[in-house]
Amino acid sequence: MTPQELYELLSKQITEMDARFTQQLTEMDARHTRQFETLDSRLLNVEVDVAEIKGRKAGWESARNWIATGIALVALGVAIAVALWK
């Protein structure tokens, strides 16, 4: 094998290896991009769920405060009625 033939053979092999490597990198990049998009979507869903839970919690706290206020007013009314009844 002449030096020129050896050079051409090695050059061809390097070109093929480079093409395979580039293809593998492209496939990995596409796969990772899809995975990150999926994770980003899931994270967004979690953030929405957390916001909904915080909203519900605030709603329940408000309702609990109104119920406590109502019970206190009823107790005050009963205490006044008992005091006036005597």
Protein backbone atom coordinates (compact mmCIF):
# COMPACT_ATOMS: atom_id res chain seq x y z
CA MET A 1 0.00 0.00 0.00
CA THR A 2 1.40 3.32 -1.00
CA PRO A 3 1.47 6.32 1.30
CA GLN A 4 -1.18 8.00 -0.89
CA GLU A 5 -3.50 4.98 -0.62
CA LEU A 6 -2.96 4.83 3.12
CA TYR A 7 -3.74 8.55 3.40
CA GLU A 8 -6.95 8.14 1.35
CA LEU A 9 -8.05 5.12 3.41
CA LEU A 10 -7.44 6.91 6.71
CA SER A 11 -9.09 10.06 5.41
CA LYS A 12 -12.17 8.06 4.36
CA GLN A 13 -12.35 6.31 7.75
CA ILE A 14 -11.99 9.58 9.62
CA THR A 15 -14.74 11.15 7.50
CA GLU A 16 -17.06 8.18 8.19
CA MET A 17 -16.30 8.28 11.91
CA ASP A 18 -16.94 12.02 11.97
CA ALA A 19 -20.27 11.53 10.18
CA ARG A 20 -21.34 8.80 12.65
CA PHE A 21 -20.24 10.91 15.61
CA THR A 22 -22.11 13.94 14.29
CA GLN A 23 -25.24 11.81 13.76
CA GLN A 24 -25.02 10.42 17.30
CA LEU A 25 -24.60 13.91 18.73
CA THR A 26 -27.60 15.15 16.76
CA GLU A 27 -29.73 12.25 18.01
CA MET A 28 -28.60 12.78 21.60
CA ASP A 29 -29.30 16.50 21.36
CA ALA A 30 -32.79 15.85 20.00
CA ARG A 31 -33.48 13.28 22.72
CA HIS A 32 -32.24 15.59 25.48
CA THR A 33 -34.21 18.49 24.04
CA ARG A 34 -37.40 16.40 24.20
CA GLN A 35 -36.58 15.32 27.75
CA PHE A 36 -35.98 18.91 28.87
CA GLU A 37 -39.22 20.04 27.19
CA THR A 38 -41.07 17.27 29.03
CA LEU A 39 -39.46 18.23 32.33
CA ASP A 40 -40.21 21.91 31.71
CA SER A 41 -43.83 21.05 30.99
CA ARG A 42 -44.05 18.96 34.16
CA LEU A 43 -42.47 21.74 36.19
CA LEU A 44 -45.00 24.21 34.81
CA ASN A 45 -47.82 21.82 35.77
CA VAL A 46 -46.39 21.54 39.30
CA GLU A 47 -46.17 25.34 39.57
CA VAL A 48 -49.82 25.63 38.48
CA ASP A 49 -50.83 22.94 40.99
CA VAL A 50 -48.96 24.73 43.78
CA ALA A 51 -50.68 28.01 42.90
CA GLU A 52 -54.08 26.28 42.95
CA ILE A 53 -53.33 24.67 46.31
CA LYS A 54 -52.22 28.02 47.76
CA GLY A 55 -55.41 29.60 46.43
CA ARG A 56 -57.56 26.88 47.99
CA LYS A 57 -55.64 27.17 51.26
CA ALA A 58 -56.25 30.92 51.31
CA GLY A 59 -59.93 30.30 50.56
CA TRP A 60 -60.23 27.80 53.39
CA GLU A 61 -58.42 30.14 55.78
CA SER A 62 -60.80 32.94 54.84
CA ALA A 63 -63.82 30.67 55.29
CA ARG A 64 -62.47 29.44 58.62
CA ASN A 65 -62.03 33.05 59.78
CA TRP A 66 -65.60 33.92 58.75
CA ILE A 67 -66.94 30.83 60.55
CA ALA A 68 -64.96 31.69 63.68
CA THR A 69 -66.28 35.26 63.53
CA GLY A 70 -69.83 33.96 63.13
CA ILE A 71 -69.47 31.61 66.08
CA ALA A 72 -68.02 34.42 68.21
CA LEU A 73 -70.93 36.71 67.28
CA VAL A 74 -73.48 34.00 68.12
CA ALA A 75 -71.74 33.39 71.46
CA LEU A 76 -71.76 37.14 72.14
CA GLY A 77 -75.46 37.31 71.27
CA VAL A 78 -76.23 34.38 73.57
CA ALA A 79 -74.20 35.97 76.38
CA ILE A 80 -76.07 39.29 75.95
CA ALA A 81 -79.43 37.49 75.85
CA VAL A 82 -78.59 35.54 79.01
CA ALA A 83 -77.42 38.73 80.75
CA LEU A 84 -80.60 40.58 79.79
CA TRP A 85 -82.83 37.64 80.70
CA LYS A 86 -81.64 37.61 84.30
